Every structure is written in C-alpha cells, then in structure tokens.
Amino acid sequence: MSVITLILFSSCSNNDDITNAVNKDGAIETSVTVNHLDSLHDILITKHKVWVNNNEYKNLAYTDTIPALGKQETVAENKDGDTKKVSVKKDYEIFITVK
C-alpha cells in the first residue's frame, strides 16, 4: 500500500521530462513513500540519494506523521475472477515540482 514516485524533472519552459535512469555523474534521486500506520495516521517517508561522479555521496531520509485519509469502498477480484465489495484505506496522491 505504498506510493512511490521515482523522479520527475521539470524545466523552466514548463516542458515535463520523465526519466527511468539516473545520471549518476551529478544528480539527486528522490523517492517518496506513504505507509499506513493506523486508522488515524500515515507515515510519509522522503529519501534522497546524492550522486557525484558516479558515486553515492550522501543518503538522506526524513519521516513525518500525517493524517490518514480514511477508507473507501472498492471492488476486489480474486484469481478465479470472483468480485467482492471491500473497504480499503485511501492513498495519498504525490505531486513533485522541481525548478
């Protein structure tokens, strides 16, 4: 139940570039994860890897407790194709803007 955003880059001219590979010659790689803690709280985990000259220079991690969004009703399907209405915890949407 985690949401992970790898890396989103945005240039000044509002052209969005999405990459699957990190330029380890000089880059900051960021991941954001939200884990459900209990019915009232989620944990936001933000990690940064700093790459310099193809070496991992520094690894930073931050955790914050944030409010849980509650539950939502959805339909789940098993491997046999049977469906059932279930209640699941809502996940945060994550948007990253880089300038």
PDB file of N, CA and C in Angstrom:
ATOM      1  N   MET A   1       0.827  -1.180   0.000  1.00  0.00           N
ATOM      2  CA  MET A   1       0.000   0.000   0.000  1.00  0.00           C
ATOM      3  C   MET A   1       0.875   1.249   0.000  1.00  0.00           C
ATOM      4  N   SER A   2       1.903   1.251  -0.749  1.00  0.00           N
ATOM      5  CA  SER A   2       2.799   2.391  -0.797  1.00  0.00           C
ATOM      6  C   SER A   2       2.722   3.062  -2.145  1.00  0.00           C
ATOM      7  N   VAL A   3       2.939   4.327  -2.094  1.00  0.00           N
ATOM      8  CA  VAL A   3       3.010   5.092  -3.323  1.00  0.00           C
ATOM      9  C   VAL A   3       4.442   5.560  -3.447  1.00  0.00           C
ATOM     10  N   ILE A   4       5.031   5.234  -4.579  1.00  0.00           N
ATOM     11  CA  ILE A   4       6.419   5.636  -4.776  1.00  0.00           C
ATOM     12  C   ILE A   4       6.523   6.478  -6.031  1.00  0.00           C
ATOM     13  N   THR A   5       7.127   7.640  -5.881  1.00  0.00           N
ATOM     14  CA  THR A   5       7.408   8.484  -7.028  1.00  0.00           C
ATOM     15  C   THR A   5       8.906   8.489  -7.208  1.00  0.00           C
ATOM     16  N   LEU A   6       9.370   8.067  -8.355  1.00  0.00           N
ATOM     17  CA  LEU A   6      10.802   7.982  -8.549  1.00  0.00           C
ATOM     18  C   LEU A   6      11.411   9.358  -8.767  1.00  0.00           C
ATOM     19  N   ILE A   7      11.326   9.891  -9.984  1.00  0.00           N
ATOM     20  CA  ILE A   7      11.922  11.196 -10.237  1.00  0.00           C
ATOM     21  C   ILE A   7      11.127  11.905 -11.308  1.00  0.00           C
ATOM     22  N   LEU A   8      10.766  13.129 -11.068  1.00  0.00           N
ATOM     23  CA  LEU A   8      10.110  13.956 -12.073  1.00  0.00           C
ATOM     24  C   LEU A   8      10.930  15.226 -12.224  1.00  0.00           C
ATOM     25  N   PHE A   9      11.306  15.544 -13.437  1.00  0.00           N
ATOM     26  CA  PHE A   9      12.052  16.753 -13.709  1.00  0.00           C
ATOM     27  C   PHE A   9      11.192  17.710 -14.514  1.00  0.00           C
ATOM     28  N   SER A  10      11.290  18.977 -14.198  1.00  0.00           N
ATOM     29  CA  SER A  10      10.520  19.982 -14.917  1.00  0.00           C
ATOM     30  C   SER A  10      11.435  21.149 -15.250  1.00  0.00           C
ATOM     31  N   SER A  11      11.466  21.562 -16.508  1.00  0.00           N
ATOM     32  CA  SER A  11      12.317  22.677 -16.891  1.00  0.00           C
ATOM     33  C   SER A  11      11.561  23.982 -16.762  1.00  0.00           C
ATOM     34  N   CYS A  12      12.252  25.093 -16.918  1.00  0.00           N
ATOM     35  CA  CYS A  12      11.638  26.411 -16.760  1.00  0.00           C
ATOM     36  C   CYS A  12      10.595  26.694 -17.826  1.00  0.00           C
ATOM     37  N   SER A  13      10.674  26.057 -18.981  1.00  0.00           N
ATOM     38  CA  SER A  13       9.724  26.327 -20.050  1.00  0.00           C
ATOM     39  C   SER A  13       8.468  25.466 -19.933  1.00  0.00           C
ATOM     40  N   ASN A  14       8.247  24.850 -18.768  1.00  0.00           N
ATOM     41  CA  ASN A  14       7.083  24.012 -18.482  1.00  0.00           C
ATOM     42  C   ASN A  14       6.999  22.753 -19.330  1.00  0.00           C
ATOM     43  N   ASN A  15       8.099  22.296 -19.897  1.00  0.00           N
ATOM     44  CA  ASN A  15       8.148  21.003 -20.578  1.00  0.00           C
ATOM     45  C   ASN A  15       8.495  19.956 -19.531  1.00  0.00           C
ATOM     46  N   ASP A  16       7.657  18.933 -19.401  1.00  0.00           N
ATOM     47  CA  ASP A  16       7.906  17.895 -18.409  1.00  0.00           C
ATOM     48  C   ASP A  16       8.748  16.787 -19.024  1.00  0.00           C
ATOM     49  N   ASP A  17       9.818  16.407 -18.327  1.00  0.00           N
ATOM     50  CA  ASP A  17      10.674  15.304 -18.748  1.00  0.00           C
ATOM     51  C   ASP A  17      10.609  14.224 -17.681  1.00  0.00           C
ATOM     52  N   ILE A  18      10.339  13.004 -18.099  1.00  0.00           N
ATOM     53  CA  ILE A  18      10.316  11.876 -17.180  1.00  0.00           C
ATOM     54  C   ILE A  18      11.437  10.940 -17.586  1.00  0.00           C
ATOM     55  N   THR A  19      12.198  10.471 -16.607  1.00  0.00           N
ATOM     56  CA  THR A  19      13.329   9.602 -16.905  1.00  0.00           C
ATOM     57  C   THR A  19      13.229   8.314 -16.101  1.00  0.00           C
ATOM     58  N   ASN A  20      13.775   7.243 -16.654  1.00  0.00           N
ATOM     59  CA  ASN A  20      13.832   5.959 -15.956  1.00  0.00           C
ATOM     60  C   ASN A  20      15.233   5.658 -15.452  1.00  0.00           C
ATOM     61  N   ALA A  21      16.217   6.440 -15.876  1.00  0.00           N
ATOM     62  CA  ALA A  21      17.601   6.225 -15.470  1.00  0.00           C
ATOM     63  C   ALA A  21      18.139   7.496 -14.824  1.00  0.00           C
ATOM     64  N   VAL A  22      18.935   7.335 -13.793  1.00  0.00           N
ATOM     65  CA  VAL A  22      19.513   8.467 -13.078  1.00  0.00           C
ATOM     66  C   VAL A  22      20.901   8.736 -13.635  1.00  0.00           C
ATOM     67  N   ASN A  23      21.174   9.991 -13.966  1.00  0.00           N
ATOM     68  CA  ASN A  23      22.513  10.400 -14.389  1.00  0.00           C
ATOM     69  C   ASN A  23      23.373  10.496 -13.139  1.00  0.00           C
ATOM     70  N   LYS A  24      24.126   9.460 -12.841  1.00  0.00           N
ATOM     71  CA  LYS A  24      24.880   9.381 -11.597  1.00  0.00           C
ATOM     72  C   LYS A  24      26.136  10.229 -11.606  1.00  0.00           C
ATOM     73  N   ASP A  25      26.375  10.926 -12.703  1.00  0.00           N
ATOM     74  CA  ASP A  25      27.514  11.834 -12.763  1.00  0.00           C
ATOM     75  C   ASP A  25      27.269  13.054 -11.871  1.00  0.00           C
ATOM     76  N   GLY A  26      25.992  13.430 -11.712  1.00  0.00           N
ATOM     77  CA  GLY A  26      25.638  14.550 -10.853  1.00  0.00           C
ATOM     78  C   GLY A  26      24.136  14.667 -10.786  1.00  0.00           C
ATOM     79  N   ALA A  27      23.514  14.084  -9.763  1.00  0.00           N
ATOM     80  CA  ALA A  27      22.053  14.087  -9.683  1.00  0.00           C
ATOM     81  C   ALA A  27      21.602  13.887  -8.243  1.00  0.00           C
ATOM     82  N   ILE A  28      20.357  14.236  -8.000  1.00  0.00           N
ATOM     83  CA  ILE A  28      19.699  13.927  -6.732  1.00  0.00           C
ATOM     84  C   ILE A  28      18.506  13.039  -7.063  1.00  0.00           C
ATOM     85  N   GLU A  29      18.522  11.835  -6.541  1.00  0.00           N
ATOM     86  CA  GLU A  29      17.459  10.849  -6.760  1.00  0.00           C
ATOM     87  C   GLU A  29      16.545  10.870  -5.538  1.00  0.00           C
ATOM     88  N   THR A  30      15.259  11.081  -5.752  1.00  0.00           N
ATOM     89  CA  THR A  30      14.313  11.234  -4.650  1.00  0.00           C
ATOM     90  C   THR A  30      13.204  10.208  -4.758  1.00  0.00           C
ATOM     91  N   SER A  31      12.837   9.611  -3.619  1.00  0.00           N
ATOM     92  CA  SER A  31      11.676   8.723  -3.567  1.00  0.00           C
ATOM     93  C   SER A  31      10.787   9.170  -2.414  1.00  0.00           C
ATOM     94  N   VAL A  32       9.492   9.059  -2.623  1.00  0.00           N
ATOM     95  CA  VAL A  32       8.509   9.435  -1.612  1.00  0.00           C
ATOM     96  C   VAL A  32       7.574   8.243  -1.420  1.00  0.00           C
ATOM     97  N   THR A  33       7.374   7.831  -0.169  1.00  0.00           N
ATOM     98  CA  THR A  33       6.540   6.684   0.161  1.00  0.00           C
ATOM     99  C   THR A  33       5.573   7.072   1.282  1.00  0.00           C
ATOM    100  N   VAL A  34       4.357   6.586   1.197  1.00  0.00           N
ATOM    101  CA  VAL A  34       3.398   6.773   2.284  1.00  0.00           C
ATOM    102  C   VAL A  34       2.981   5.391   2.772  1.00  0.00           C
ATOM    103  N   ASN A  35       3.208   5.109   4.050  1.00  0.00           N
ATOM    104  CA  ASN A  35       2.821   3.843   4.668  1.00  0.00           C
ATOM    105  C   ASN A  35       1.699   4.101   5.669  1.00  0.00           C
ATOM    106  N   HIS A  36       0.738   3.193   5.729  1.00  0.00           N
ATOM    107  CA  HIS A  36      -0.357   3.317   6.691  1.00  0.00           C
ATOM    108  C   HIS A  36       0.133   2.872   8.065  1.00  0.00           C
ATOM    109  N   LEU A  37      -0.027   3.734   9.055  1.00  0.00           N
ATOM    110  CA  LEU A  37       0.404   3.414  10.420  1.00  0.00           C
ATOM    111  C   LEU A  37      -0.759   2.836  11.232  1.00  0.00           C
ATOM    112  N   ASP A  38      -1.849   3.575  11.301  1.00  0.00           N
ATOM    113  CA  ASP A  38      -3.046   3.108  11.991  1.00  0.00           C
ATOM    114  C   ASP A  38      -4.249   3.797  11.348  1.00  0.00           C
ATOM    115  N   SER A  39      -5.411   3.711  11.975  1.00  0.00           N
ATOM    116  CA  SER A  39      -6.619   4.265  11.355  1.00  0.00           C
ATOM    117  C   SER A  39      -6.607   5.789  11.294  1.00  0.00           C
ATOM    118  N   LEU A  40      -5.761   6.436  12.078  1.00  0.00           N
ATOM    119  CA  LEU A  40      -5.727   7.895  12.119  1.00  0.00           C
ATOM    120  C   LEU A  40      -4.480   8.516  11.507  1.00  0.00           C
ATOM    121  N   HIS A  41      -3.422   7.714  11.302  1.00  0.00           N
ATOM    122  CA  HIS A  41      -2.138   8.271  10.882  1.00  0.00           C
ATOM    123  C   HIS A  41      -1.477   7.463   9.762  1.00  0.00           C
ATOM    124  N   ASP A  42      -0.777   8.184   8.903  1.00  0.00           N
ATOM    125  CA  ASP A  42       0.104   7.595   7.892  1.00  0.00           C
ATOM    126  C   ASP A  42       1.510   8.135   8.133  1.00  0.00           C
ATOM    127  N   ILE A  43       2.502   7.461   7.580  1.00  0.00           N
ATOM    128  CA  ILE A  43       3.889   7.892   7.692  1.00  0.00           C
ATOM    129  C   ILE A  43       4.386   8.276   6.302  1.00  0.00           C
ATOM    130  N   LEU A  44       4.863   9.509   6.166  1.00  0.00           N
ATOM    131  CA  LEU A  44       5.449   9.994   4.920  1.00  0.00           C
ATOM    132  C   LEU A  44       6.959   9.835   5.023  1.00  0.00           C
ATOM    133  N   ILE A  45       7.551   9.087   4.085  1.00  0.00           N
ATOM    134  CA  ILE A  45       8.994   8.846   4.068  1.00  0.00           C
ATOM    135  C   ILE A  45       9.559   9.456   2.789  1.00  0.00           C
ATOM    136  N   THR A  46      10.496  10.377   2.953  1.00  0.00           N
ATOM    137  CA  THR A  46      11.154  11.016   1.810  1.00  0.00           C
ATOM    138  C   THR A  46      12.640  10.669   1.872  1.00  0.00           C
ATOM    139  N   LYS A  47      13.165  10.097   0.781  1.00  0.00           N
ATOM    140  CA  LYS A  47      14.576   9.702   0.721  1.00  0.00           C
ATOM    141  C   LYS A  47      15.247  10.398  -0.456  1.00  0.00           C
ATOM    142  N   HIS A  48      16.487  10.841  -0.238  1.00  0.00           N
ATOM    143  CA  HIS A  48      17.277  11.474  -1.286  1.00  0.00           C
ATOM    144  C   HIS A  48      18.639  10.780  -1.365  1.00  0.00           C
ATOM    145  N   LYS A  49      19.046  10.421  -2.581  1.00  0.00           N
ATOM    146  CA  LYS A  49      20.401   9.940  -2.835  1.00  0.00           C
ATOM    147  C   LYS A  49      21.087  11.008  -3.661  1.00  0.00           C
ATOM    148  N   VAL A  50      22.245  11.453  -3.204  1.00  0.00           N
ATOM    149  CA  VAL A  50      23.018  12.459  -3.923  1.00  0.00           C
ATOM    150  C   VAL A  50      24.153  11.739  -4.651  1.00  0.00           C
ATOM    151  N   TRP A  51      24.164  11.874  -5.997  1.00  0.00           N
ATOM    152  CA  TRP A  51      25.166  11.220  -6.834  1.00  0.00           C
ATOM    153  C   TRP A  51      26.168  12.250  -7.341  1.00  0.00           C
ATOM    154  N   VAL A  52      27.464  11.982  -7.152  1.00  0.00           N
ATOM    155  CA  VAL A  52      28.539  12.850  -7.623  1.00  0.00           C
ATOM    156  C   VAL A  52      29.603  11.959  -8.264  1.00  0.00           C
ATOM    157  N   ASN A  53      29.917  12.227  -9.521  1.00  0.00           N
ATOM    158  CA  ASN A  53      30.962  11.474 -10.241  1.00  0.00           C
ATOM    159  C   ASN A  53      30.760   9.964 -10.142  1.00  0.00           C
ATOM    160  N   ASN A  54      29.520   9.514 -10.362  1.00  0.00           N
ATOM    161  CA  ASN A  54      29.148   8.103 -10.352  1.00  0.00           C
ATOM    162  C   ASN A  54      29.314   7.416  -8.999  1.00  0.00           C
ATOM    163  N   ASN A  55      29.367   8.189  -7.937  1.00  0.00           N
ATOM    164  CA  ASN A  55      29.445   7.650  -6.581  1.00  0.00           C
ATOM    165  C   ASN A  55      28.295   8.216  -5.755  1.00  0.00           C
ATOM    166  N   GLU A  56      27.734   7.381  -4.890  1.00  0.00           N
ATOM    167  CA  GLU A  56      26.696   7.851  -3.988  1.00  0.00           C
ATOM    168  C   GLU A  56      27.357   8.643  -2.868  1.00  0.00           C
ATOM    169  N   TYR A  57      27.210   9.969  -2.929  1.00  0.00           N
ATOM    170  CA  TYR A  57      27.864  10.870  -1.986  1.00  0.00           C
ATOM    171  C   TYR A  57      27.169  10.869  -0.630  1.00  0.00           C
ATOM    172  N   LYS A  58      25.836  10.950  -0.643  1.00  0.00           N
ATOM    173  CA  LYS A  58      25.093  11.043   0.608  1.00  0.00           C
ATOM    174  C   LYS A  58      23.711  10.438   0.429  1.00  0.00           C
ATOM    175  N   ASN A  59      23.189   9.857   1.505  1.00  0.00           N
ATOM    176  CA  ASN A  59      21.855   9.279   1.545  1.00  0.00           C
ATOM    177  C   ASN A  59      21.101   9.964   2.680  1.00  0.00           C
ATOM    178  N   LEU A  60      19.997  10.655   2.365  1.00  0.00           N
ATOM    179  CA  LEU A  60      19.222  11.379   3.365  1.00  0.00           C
ATOM    180  C   LEU A  60      17.824  10.775   3.453  1.00  0.00           C
ATOM    181  N   ALA A  61      17.266  10.705   4.660  1.00  0.00           N
ATOM    182  CA  ALA A  61      15.915  10.180   4.832  1.00  0.00           C
ATOM    183  C   ALA A  61      15.187  11.000   5.884  1.00  0.00           C
ATOM    184  N   TYR A  62      13.921  11.314   5.592  1.00  0.00           N
ATOM    185  CA  TYR A  62      13.075  12.086   6.501  1.00  0.00           C
ATOM    186  C   TYR A  62      11.744  11.354   6.668  1.00  0.00           C
ATOM    187  N   THR A  63      11.236  11.320   7.896  1.00  0.00           N
ATOM    188  CA  THR A  63       9.926  10.725   8.140  1.00  0.00           C
ATOM    189  C   THR A  63       9.035  11.743   8.857  1.00  0.00           C
ATOM    190  N   ASP A  64       7.771  11.740   8.483  1.00  0.00           N
ATOM    191  CA  ASP A  64       6.786  12.626   9.086  1.00  0.00           C
ATOM    192  C   ASP A  64       5.495  11.851   9.291  1.00  0.00           C
ATOM    193  N   THR A  65       4.800  12.138  10.371  1.00  0.00           N
ATOM    194  CA  THR A  65       3.484  11.565  10.602  1.00  0.00           C
ATOM    195  C   THR A  65       2.446  12.534  10.044  1.00  0.00           C
ATOM    196  N   ILE A  66       1.524  12.006   9.232  1.00  0.00           N
ATOM    197  CA  ILE A  66       0.485  12.826   8.603  1.00  0.00           C
ATOM    198  C   ILE A  66      -0.871  12.164   8.856  1.00  0.00           C
ATOM    199  N   PRO A  67      -1.962  12.918   8.717  1.00  0.00           N
ATOM    200  CA  PRO A  67      -3.280  12.322   8.966  1.00  0.00           C
ATOM    201  C   PRO A  67      -3.636  11.262   7.925  1.00  0.00           C
ATOM    202  N   ALA A  68      -4.288  10.197   8.364  1.00  0.00           N
ATOM    203  CA  ALA A  68      -4.809   9.188   7.433  1.00  0.00           C
ATOM    204  C   ALA A  68      -6.041   9.763   6.737  1.00  0.00           C
ATOM    205  N   LEU A  69      -6.294   9.325   5.518  1.00  0.00           N
ATOM    206  CA  LEU A  69      -7.406   9.844   4.728  1.00  0.00           C
ATOM    207  C   LEU A  69      -8.704   9.071   4.914  1.00  0.00           C
ATOM    208  N   GLY A  70      -8.684   8.043   5.739  1.00  0.00           N
ATOM    209  CA  GLY A  70      -9.892   7.247   5.949  1.00  0.00           C
ATOM    210  C   GLY A  70      -9.956   6.074   4.993  1.00  0.00           C
ATOM    211  N   LYS A  71     -11.167   5.569   4.771  1.00  0.00           N
ATOM    212  CA  LYS A  71     -11.356   4.391   3.925  1.00  0.00           C
ATOM    213  C   LYS A  71     -12.265   4.715   2.753  1.00  0.00           C
ATOM    214  N   GLN A  72     -12.198   3.853   1.737  1.00  0.00           N
ATOM    215  CA  GLN A  72     -13.077   3.973   0.578  1.00  0.00           C
ATOM    216  C   GLN A  72     -13.558   2.590   0.173  1.00  0.00           C
ATOM    217  N   GLU A  73     -14.703   2.538  -0.433  1.00  0.00           N
ATOM    218  CA  GLU A  73     -15.265   1.274  -0.923  1.00  0.00           C
ATOM    219  C   GLU A  73     -14.766   1.038  -2.350  1.00  0.00           C
ATOM    220  N   THR A  74     -14.368  -0.194  -2.644  1.00  0.00           N
ATOM    221  CA  THR A  74     -13.919  -0.563  -3.981  1.00  0.00           C
ATOM    222  C   THR A  74     -14.272  -2.018  -4.236  1.00  0.00           C
ATOM    223  N   VAL A  75     -14.088  -2.466  -5.450  1.00  0.00           N
ATOM    224  CA  VAL A  75     -14.364  -3.855  -5.811  1.00  0.00           C
ATOM    225  C   VAL A  75     -13.038  -4.582  -5.989  1.00  0.00           C
ATOM    226  N   ALA A  76     -12.872  -5.706  -5.303  1.00  0.00           N
ATOM    227  CA  ALA A  76     -11.674  -6.534  -5.405  1.00  0.00           C
ATOM    228  C   ALA A  76     -12.010  -7.800  -6.178  1.00  0.00           C
ATOM    229  N   GLU A  77     -11.006  -8.315  -6.890  1.00  0.00           N
ATOM    230  CA  GLU A  77     -11.198  -9.535  -7.677  1.00  0.00           C
ATOM    231  C   GLU A  77     -10.125 -10.549  -7.302  1.00  0.00           C
ATOM    232  N   ASN A  78     -10.518 -11.817  -7.102  1.00  0.00           N
ATOM    233  CA  ASN A  78      -9.535 -12.856  -6.795  1.00  0.00           C
ATOM    234  C   ASN A  78      -9.053 -13.525  -8.080  1.00  0.00           C
ATOM    235  N   LYS A  79      -8.157 -14.508  -7.953  1.00  0.00           N
ATOM    236  CA  LYS A  79      -7.565 -15.152  -9.126  1.00  0.00           C
ATOM    237  C   LYS A  79      -8.578 -15.935  -9.962  1.00  0.00           C
ATOM    238  N   ASP A  80      -9.720 -16.292  -9.356  1.00  0.00           N
ATOM    239  CA  ASP A  80     -10.767 -17.010 -10.084  1.00  0.00           C
ATOM    240  C   ASP A  80     -11.737 -16.072 -10.795  1.00  0.00           C
ATOM    241  N   GLY A  81     -11.547 -14.762 -10.615  1.00  0.00           N
ATOM    242  CA  GLY A  81     -12.415 -13.794 -11.261  1.00  0.00           C
ATOM    243  C   GLY A  81     -13.630 -13.402 -10.434  1.00  0.00           C
ATOM    244  N   ASP A  82     -13.728 -13.927  -9.222  1.00  0.00           N
ATOM    245  CA  ASP A  82     -14.839 -13.563  -8.339  1.00  0.00           C
ATOM    246  C   ASP A  82     -14.598 -12.157  -7.789  1.00  0.00           C
ATOM    247  N   THR A  83     -15.645 -11.346  -7.741  1.00  0.00           N
ATOM    248  CA  THR A  83     -15.519  -9.984  -7.234  1.00  0.00           C
ATOM    249  C   THR A  83     -16.277  -9.823  -5.928  1.00  0.00           C
ATOM    250  N   LYS A  84     -15.799  -8.864  -5.123  1.00  0.00           N
ATOM    251  CA  LYS A  84     -16.410  -8.605  -3.828  1.00  0.00           C
ATOM    252  C   LYS A  84     -16.170  -7.139  -3.479  1.00  0.00           C
ATOM    253  N   LYS A  85     -17.164  -6.496  -2.906  1.00  0.00           N
ATOM    254  CA  LYS A  85     -17.020  -5.118  -2.462  1.00  0.00           C
ATOM    255  C   LYS A  85     -16.252  -5.114  -1.140  1.00  0.00           C
ATOM    256  N   VAL A  86     -15.156  -4.312  -1.078  1.00  0.00           N
ATOM    257  CA  VAL A  86     -14.319  -4.259   0.118  1.00  0.00           C
ATOM    258  C   VAL A  86     -14.045  -2.806   0.491  1.00  0.00           C
ATOM    259  N   SER A  87     -13.641  -2.608   1.724  1.00  0.00           N
ATOM    260  CA  SER A  87     -13.259  -1.291   2.227  1.00  0.00           C
ATOM    261  C   SER A  87     -11.739  -1.267   2.383  1.00  0.00           C
ATOM    262  N   VAL A  88     -11.070  -0.293   1.756  1.00  0.00           N
ATOM    263  CA  VAL A  88      -9.607  -0.180   1.825  1.00  0.00           C
ATOM    264  C   VAL A  88      -9.233   1.235   2.245  1.00  0.00           C
ATOM    265  N   LYS A  89      -8.016   1.374   2.793  1.00  0.00           N
ATOM    266  CA  LYS A  89      -7.536   2.693   3.191  1.00  0.00           C
ATOM    267  C   LYS A  89      -7.213   3.519   1.947  1.00  0.00           C
ATOM    268  N   LYS A  90      -7.554   4.808   1.984  1.00  0.00           N
ATOM    269  CA  LYS A  90      -7.254   5.714   0.880  1.00  0.00           C
ATOM    270  C   LYS A  90      -5.758   6.016   0.864  1.00  0.00           C
ATOM    271  N   ASP A  91      -5.207   6.175  -0.347  1.00  0.00           N
ATOM    272  CA  ASP A  91      -3.806   6.537  -0.516  1.00  0.00           C
ATOM    273  C   ASP A  91      -3.684   7.995  -0.942  1.00  0.00           C
ATOM    274  N   TYR A  92      -2.625   8.635  -0.506  1.00  0.00           N
ATOM    275  CA  TYR A  92      -2.326   9.983  -0.946  1.00  0.00           C
ATOM    276  C   TYR A  92      -1.854   9.965  -2.396  1.00  0.00           C
ATOM    277  N   GLU A  93      -2.165  11.016  -3.147  1.00  0.00           N
ATOM    278  CA  GLU A  93      -1.547  11.253  -4.443  1.00  0.00           C
ATOM    279  C   GLU A  93      -0.331  12.137  -4.181  1.00  0.00           C
ATOM    280  N   ILE A  94       0.766  11.880  -4.884  1.00  0.00           N
ATOM    281  CA  ILE A  94       2.005  12.623  -4.653  1.00  0.00           C
ATOM    282  C   ILE A  94       2.357  13.380  -5.924  1.00  0.00           C
ATOM    283  N   PHE A  95       2.565  14.677  -5.789  1.00  0.00           N
ATOM    284  CA  PHE A  95       2.975  15.541  -6.900  1.00  0.00           C
ATOM    285  C   PHE A  95       4.280  16.209  -6.499  1.00  0.00           C
ATOM    286  N   ILE A  96       5.264  16.180  -7.387  1.00  0.00           N
ATOM    287  CA  ILE A  96       6.564  16.805  -7.105  1.00  0.00           C
ATOM    288  C   ILE A  96       6.828  17.840  -8.193  1.00  0.00           C
ATOM    289  N   THR A  97       7.170  19.040  -7.756  1.00  0.00           N
ATOM    290  CA  THR A  97       7.535  20.101  -8.690  1.00  0.00           C
ATOM    291  C   THR A  97       9.000  20.435  -8.468  1.00  0.00           C
ATOM    292  N   VAL A  98       9.784  20.425  -9.531  1.00  0.00           N
ATOM    293  CA  VAL A  98      11.206  20.720  -9.454  1.00  0.00           C
ATOM    294  C   VAL A  98      11.491  21.930 -10.323  1.00  0.00           C
ATOM    295  N   LYS A  99      12.174  22.899  -9.778  1.00  0.00           N
ATOM    296  CA  LYS A  99      12.533  24.103 -10.549  1.00  0.00           C
ATOM    297  C   LYS A  99      14.028  24.251 -10.601  1.00  0.00           C
TER     298      LYS A  99
END
